[in-house]
Protein backbone atom coordinates (compact mmCIF):
# COMPACT_ATOMS: atom_id res chain seq x y z
CA UNK A 1 45.10 -43.49 -91.81
CA UNK A 2 46.19 -44.96 -88.47
CA UNK A 3 49.66 -43.88 -87.34
CA UNK A 4 52.15 -46.69 -86.78
CA UNK A 5 55.08 -44.67 -85.43
CA UNK A 6 56.02 -41.55 -83.50
CA UNK A 7 59.63 -40.42 -83.66
CA UNK A 8 61.47 -37.64 -81.87
CA UNK A 9 59.13 -37.64 -78.89
CA UNK A 10 60.44 -35.26 -76.20
CA UNK A 11 60.78 -36.24 -72.55
CA UNK A 12 61.88 -32.98 -70.90
CA UNK A 13 63.56 -32.62 -67.54
CA UNK A 14 61.97 -30.85 -64.60
CA UNK A 15 63.34 -28.62 -61.89
CA UNK A 16 61.94 -28.25 -58.39
CA UNK A 17 61.98 -24.48 -57.92
CA UNK A 18 61.61 -25.22 -54.22
CA UNK A 19 60.87 -28.43 -52.31
CA UNK A 20 59.45 -28.39 -48.79
CA UNK A 21 58.80 -31.48 -46.67
CA UNK A 22 55.74 -30.64 -44.58
CA UNK A 23 55.03 -33.97 -42.89
CA UNK A 24 54.93 -37.71 -43.18
CA UNK A 25 51.97 -40.05 -43.71
CA UNK A 26 51.41 -43.16 -41.55
CA UNK A 27 52.48 -45.32 -44.52
CA UNK A 28 55.88 -43.62 -44.57
CA UNK A 29 55.37 -41.43 -47.65
CA UNK A 30 56.49 -37.86 -47.20
CA UNK A 31 54.14 -34.92 -47.68
CA UNK A 32 55.65 -32.32 -49.98
CA UNK A 33 55.08 -28.90 -51.45
CA UNK A 34 56.95 -27.90 -54.58
CA UNK A 35 56.72 -26.10 -57.88
CA UNK A 36 57.66 -28.28 -60.85
CA UNK A 37 59.12 -26.46 -63.84
CA UNK A 38 59.64 -28.11 -67.24
CA UNK A 39 62.79 -27.15 -69.14
CA UNK A 40 63.83 -27.61 -72.76
CA UNK A 41 66.47 -30.28 -72.19
CA UNK A 42 65.76 -33.97 -71.92
CA UNK A 43 65.59 -37.42 -73.45
CA UNK A 44 64.07 -38.30 -76.82
CA UNK A 45 62.06 -41.44 -77.57
CA UNK A 46 60.99 -43.20 -80.79
CA UNK A 47 57.97 -45.52 -80.95
CA UNK A 48 57.10 -48.06 -83.67
CA UNK A 49 54.16 -50.44 -83.61
CA UNK A 50 55.02 -54.13 -83.99
CA UNK A 51 53.28 -57.00 -85.78
CA UNK A 52 53.01 -58.91 -82.49
CA UNK A 53 51.93 -57.76 -79.00
CA UNK A 54 55.39 -57.47 -77.37
CA UNK A 55 56.75 -54.32 -75.76
CA UNK A 56 60.47 -54.09 -76.54
CA UNK A 57 63.06 -51.49 -75.56
CA UNK A 58 65.44 -51.56 -78.50
CA UNK A 59 68.25 -49.49 -76.95
CA UNK A 60 70.39 -50.28 -73.93
CA UNK A 61 70.09 -48.00 -70.90
CA UNK A 62 73.12 -48.64 -68.64
CA UNK A 63 72.08 -49.56 -65.11
CA UNK A 64 68.40 -50.05 -65.99
CA UNK A 65 67.33 -53.60 -66.93
CA UNK A 66 64.47 -53.58 -69.42
CA UNK A 67 62.03 -55.25 -67.03
CA UNK A 68 62.66 -52.53 -64.41
CA UNK A 69 62.49 -49.61 -66.83
CA UNK A 70 59.64 -47.21 -66.03
CA UNK A 71 58.95 -46.91 -69.76
CA UNK A 72 58.27 -50.64 -70.10
CA UNK A 73 56.32 -50.81 -66.85
CA UNK A 74 54.16 -47.85 -67.88
CA UNK A 75 53.43 -49.36 -71.29
CA UNK A 76 52.54 -52.68 -69.68
CA UNK A 77 50.12 -50.89 -67.34
CA UNK A 78 48.48 -49.10 -70.27
CA UNK A 79 48.32 -52.34 -72.25
CA UNK A 80 46.42 -54.03 -69.40
CA UNK A 81 44.03 -51.09 -69.20
CA UNK A 82 43.53 -51.34 -72.98
CA UNK A 83 42.77 -55.04 -72.60
CA UNK A 84 40.25 -54.29 -69.84
CA UNK A 85 38.45 -51.71 -71.97
CA UNK A 86 38.61 -53.34 -75.38
CA UNK A 87 38.76 -57.05 -74.60
CA UNK A 88 41.97 -57.61 -76.55
CA UNK A 89 45.62 -56.62 -76.53
CA UNK A 90 46.88 -53.69 -78.60
CA UNK A 91 49.80 -54.09 -81.01
CA UNK A 92 53.26 -54.31 -79.50
CA UNK A 93 55.65 -51.37 -79.51
CA UNK A 94 59.39 -50.96 -80.09
CA UNK A 95 60.83 -48.13 -77.98
CA UNK A 96 64.20 -46.51 -78.67
CA UNK A 97 65.59 -44.10 -76.06
CA UNK A 98 68.17 -41.36 -76.64
CA UNK A 99 69.20 -40.86 -73.00
CA UNK A 100 70.59 -37.46 -72.07
CA UNK A 101 69.39 -37.02 -68.49
CA UNK A 102 71.55 -38.54 -65.75
CA UNK A 103 70.24 -41.13 -63.31
CA UNK A 104 69.91 -39.89 -59.73
CA UNK A 105 70.02 -36.29 -60.87
CA UNK A 106 66.69 -35.05 -59.49
CA UNK A 107 65.56 -34.12 -63.00
CA UNK A 108 62.79 -36.73 -63.26
CA UNK A 109 64.30 -38.46 -66.28
CA UNK A 110 62.78 -41.89 -65.76
CA UNK A 111 59.37 -40.48 -64.89
CA UNK A 112 59.45 -38.13 -67.86
CA UNK A 113 60.32 -41.02 -70.20
CA UNK A 114 57.40 -43.02 -68.80
CA UNK A 115 54.98 -40.12 -69.20
CA UNK A 116 56.03 -39.58 -72.81
CA UNK A 117 55.60 -43.31 -73.43
CA UNK A 118 52.07 -43.21 -72.01
CA UNK A 119 51.12 -40.23 -74.18
CA UNK A 120 52.63 -41.80 -77.31
CA UNK A 121 51.07 -45.24 -76.82
CA UNK A 122 47.69 -43.77 -75.92
CA UNK A 123 47.84 -41.99 -79.29
CA UNK A 124 49.20 -44.89 -81.38
CA UNK A 125 46.84 -47.44 -79.86
CA UNK A 126 43.90 -45.02 -79.98
CA UNK A 127 43.28 -46.15 -76.40
CA UNK A 128 41.20 -43.09 -75.60
CA UNK A 129 42.41 -42.39 -72.04
CA UNK A 130 42.15 -38.81 -70.80
CA UNK A 131 45.09 -37.00 -69.24
CA UNK A 132 43.54 -37.55 -65.81
CA UNK A 133 43.20 -41.28 -66.47
CA UNK A 134 46.79 -41.51 -67.64
CA UNK A 135 47.90 -39.64 -64.51
CA UNK A 136 46.05 -42.12 -62.30
CA UNK A 137 47.64 -45.00 -64.22
CA UNK A 138 51.13 -43.54 -63.83
CA UNK A 139 51.00 -42.55 -60.16
CA UNK A 140 51.60 -46.04 -58.69
CA UNK A 141 54.74 -46.29 -60.82
CA UNK A 142 56.25 -42.95 -59.85
CA UNK A 143 55.08 -39.85 -58.00
CA UNK A 144 56.55 -37.51 -60.66
CA UNK A 145 54.81 -39.17 -63.61
CA UNK A 146 51.48 -37.32 -63.10
CA UNK A 147 53.28 -33.97 -63.33
CA UNK A 148 54.80 -34.75 -66.71
CA UNK A 149 51.38 -35.84 -67.97
CA UNK A 150 49.87 -32.66 -66.48
CA UNK A 151 52.28 -30.89 -68.78
CA UNK A 152 52.67 -27.36 -67.41
CA UNK A 153 54.26 -25.50 -64.52
CA UNK A 154 52.56 -26.85 -61.42
CA UNK A 155 52.24 -26.24 -57.70
CA UNK A 156 52.43 -29.74 -56.20
CA UNK A 157 51.26 -31.09 -52.87
CA UNK A 158 50.60 -34.49 -51.28
CA UNK A 159 53.33 -36.87 -52.40
CA UNK A 160 53.62 -34.75 -55.54
CA UNK A 161 50.42 -35.87 -57.26
CA UNK A 162 48.09 -33.00 -56.22
CA UNK A 163 48.76 -30.49 -58.99
CA UNK A 164 47.51 -27.00 -59.76
CA UNK A 165 48.69 -24.88 -62.68
CA UNK A 166 50.75 -21.89 -61.64
CA UNK A 167 52.54 -19.14 -63.53
CA UNK A 168 56.23 -19.87 -63.63
CA UNK A 169 59.15 -17.55 -64.38
CA UNK A 170 60.23 -17.11 -68.01
CA UNK A 171 63.93 -17.54 -67.39
CA UNK A 172 66.99 -19.51 -68.44
CA UNK A 173 68.83 -21.95 -66.21
CA UNK A 174 72.35 -23.27 -65.85
CA UNK A 175 72.23 -26.87 -64.61
CA UNK A 176 75.33 -28.56 -63.19
CA UNK A 177 75.74 -32.34 -62.99
CA UNK A 178 78.16 -32.91 -60.07
CA UNK A 179 79.06 -36.40 -61.28
CA UNK A 180 77.30 -38.44 -58.59
CA UNK A 181 74.03 -40.36 -58.58
CA UNK A 182 71.89 -39.70 -55.51
CA UNK A 183 69.46 -42.49 -54.54
CA UNK A 184 66.19 -40.95 -53.44
CA UNK A 185 65.67 -43.48 -50.64
CA UNK A 186 68.96 -42.53 -48.98
CA UNK A 187 67.80 -38.92 -48.66
CA UNK A 188 64.25 -39.54 -47.46
CA UNK A 189 65.33 -42.11 -44.85
CA UNK A 190 68.10 -39.95 -43.38
CA UNK A 191 67.33 -39.35 -39.68
CA UNK A 192 68.43 -35.70 -39.86
CA UNK A 193 65.92 -34.82 -42.59
CA UNK A 194 63.49 -32.18 -41.32
CA UNK A 195 59.84 -32.92 -42.02
CA UNK A 196 58.00 -29.99 -40.48
CA UNK A 197 58.31 -27.06 -42.85
CA UNK A 198 55.29 -24.77 -42.56
CA UNK A 199 52.88 -25.14 -45.47
CA UNK A 200 52.58 -22.27 -47.96
CA UNK A 201 50.02 -21.29 -50.62
CA UNK A 202 50.23 -20.70 -54.35
CA UNK A 203 49.78 -17.00 -53.65
CA UNK A 204 52.93 -17.02 -51.49
CA UNK A 205 54.94 -18.45 -54.37
CA UNK A 206 53.42 -16.25 -57.08
CA UNK A 207 53.86 -13.04 -55.12
CA UNK A 208 57.44 -13.61 -54.01
CA UNK A 209 58.90 -15.71 -56.83
CA UNK A 210 57.29 -14.80 -60.13
CA UNK A 211 57.03 -11.18 -59.06
CA UNK A 212 60.82 -10.97 -59.02
CA UNK A 213 61.30 -12.87 -62.30
CA UNK A 214 62.17 -16.00 -60.37
CA UNK A 215 65.75 -14.91 -59.82
CA UNK A 216 65.81 -14.55 -56.04
CA UNK A 217 64.91 -18.14 -55.24
CA UNK A 218 61.70 -18.76 -53.31
CA UNK A 219 61.79 -21.09 -50.32
CA UNK A 220 64.42 -23.81 -50.19
CA UNK A 221 65.02 -27.48 -50.91
CA UNK A 222 64.65 -29.32 -47.60
CA UNK A 223 66.54 -32.31 -49.03
CA UNK A 224 69.62 -30.32 -50.01
CA UNK A 225 71.49 -30.28 -46.69
CA UNK A 226 71.16 -34.05 -46.32
CA UNK A 227 72.29 -34.70 -49.91
CA UNK A 228 75.17 -32.27 -49.59
CA UNK A 229 76.41 -34.02 -46.43
CA UNK A 230 76.15 -37.51 -47.92
CA UNK A 231 77.47 -36.51 -51.35
CA UNK A 232 80.14 -33.75 -51.08
CA UNK A 233 80.17 -33.02 -54.87
CA UNK A 234 76.61 -31.70 -54.47
CA UNK A 235 77.79 -29.28 -51.79
CA UNK A 236 80.69 -28.19 -54.00
CA UNK A 237 78.39 -27.52 -56.97
CA UNK A 238 75.95 -25.50 -54.84
CA UNK A 239 78.76 -23.42 -53.40
CA UNK A 240 80.32 -22.75 -56.81
CA UNK A 241 77.10 -21.87 -58.62
CA UNK A 242 75.92 -19.71 -55.70
CA UNK A 243 78.52 -17.13 -56.66
CA UNK A 244 76.31 -16.34 -59.67
CA UNK A 245 72.89 -16.32 -58.00
CA UNK A 246 70.44 -18.29 -55.85
CA UNK A 247 71.66 -21.81 -56.65
CA UNK A 248 70.04 -24.93 -55.26
CA UNK A 249 69.65 -28.64 -55.79
CA UNK A 250 66.65 -30.02 -57.66
CA UNK A 251 64.58 -32.91 -56.31
CA UNK A 252 66.52 -35.31 -54.12
CA UNK A 253 69.67 -34.48 -56.09
CA UNK A 254 72.22 -34.48 -57.46
CA UNK A 255 71.87 -31.72 -60.10
CA UNK A 256 72.17 -28.07 -59.09
CA UNK A 257 70.64 -25.12 -60.93
CA UNK A 258 70.53 -21.34 -60.98
CA UNK A 259 68.16 -19.02 -62.86
CA UNK A 260 69.24 -16.20 -65.18
CA UNK A 261 67.25 -13.55 -67.01
CA UNK A 262 68.68 -14.28 -70.47
CA UNK A 263 70.63 -16.81 -72.51
CA UNK A 264 73.74 -14.63 -72.72
CA UNK A 265 74.22 -14.81 -68.96
CA UNK A 266 74.04 -18.60 -69.03
CA UNK A 267 76.69 -18.71 -71.75
CA UNK A 268 79.00 -16.59 -69.62
CA UNK A 269 78.60 -18.90 -66.62
CA UNK A 270 79.06 -22.05 -68.70
CA UNK A 271 82.44 -20.77 -69.88
CA UNK A 272 83.60 -20.78 -66.26
CA UNK A 273 82.35 -24.26 -65.29
CA UNK A 274 85.14 -26.41 -63.75
CA UNK A 275 86.21 -29.22 -66.05
CA UNK A 276 85.26 -31.95 -63.56
CA UNK A 277 81.55 -31.22 -64.05
CA UNK A 278 79.13 -31.46 -66.93
CA UNK A 279 76.85 -28.44 -67.27
CA UNK A 280 74.29 -27.12 -69.72
CA UNK A 281 71.74 -24.37 -70.25
CA UNK A 282 67.99 -24.74 -70.58
CA UNK A 283 64.99 -22.49 -70.97
CA UNK A 284 61.84 -22.72 -68.89
CA UNK A 285 58.96 -24.37 -70.74
CA UNK A 286 55.38 -23.32 -70.13
CA UNK A 287 53.90 -26.45 -71.78
CA UNK A 288 55.04 -30.00 -72.42
CA UNK A 289 56.26 -30.16 -76.05
CA UNK A 290 54.71 -33.63 -76.46
CA UNK A 291 51.27 -32.02 -76.32
CA UNK A 292 52.01 -29.98 -79.45
CA UNK A 293 53.58 -32.97 -81.22
CA UNK A 294 50.45 -35.05 -80.67
CA UNK A 295 48.19 -32.24 -81.87
CA UNK A 296 50.20 -32.04 -85.10
CA UNK A 297 49.93 -35.82 -85.57
CA UNK A 298 46.18 -35.68 -85.07
CA UNK A 299 45.70 -33.30 -88.01
């Protein structure tokens, strides 16, 4: 029997375990190297097929008009690809979003939501796209979307779309939300941003990071100094969390994280978090939980 709904679909956050800017393309896009790590904290989405062909976000997301939402844009892109392949439109979809990830936090929330939407709709519509085809569809919408569709710890290059699986550390994280939203464009256009970090290899990361349980902090985040200067709460969060380990900012900011070997250590740190910040713990994920959910629904 054809499925008409998928509820409780996870859209996990990601952390950039390091983020190096190695150059800049003629079109202005920055060349990056990073390791993306999924964590077990994120948004949750519900999908229900409609009797018409409309795509409707049924929940309000403050600051994100429906027509600009990456979820809606991704579903529209998949709908057009479905039309091209099948000669007709698929059924419409209602999408409800339980939003937990902050905007401008460097956690990939919007991209993760869009990737989960693509996986869910591909399943509900029986569209038949492969992961690679979904990644190609998502890339023009957001450079992080292919990673979430890739669905495992990844060494990333290019603008973030060249992905290779890599062994990540099995650790816990404390993540601090400093209470500011950092616009990515403001960081990448800052004149003081360095863009010439020497390229590394997967072997460099695996030997020096995973070999020490991921607790020493490999490399750095080249965007952190710029974000910390423009947004002082980021600097304050990095300084505070650094007293417990190798703390750094994820993505273009604003969230700051630190790795710990067990859950008990994260609980101890969370008890000390200043009241002006929101903070939470999360465990490293080796595989996107949406993959398992879809396998169960295919049985």
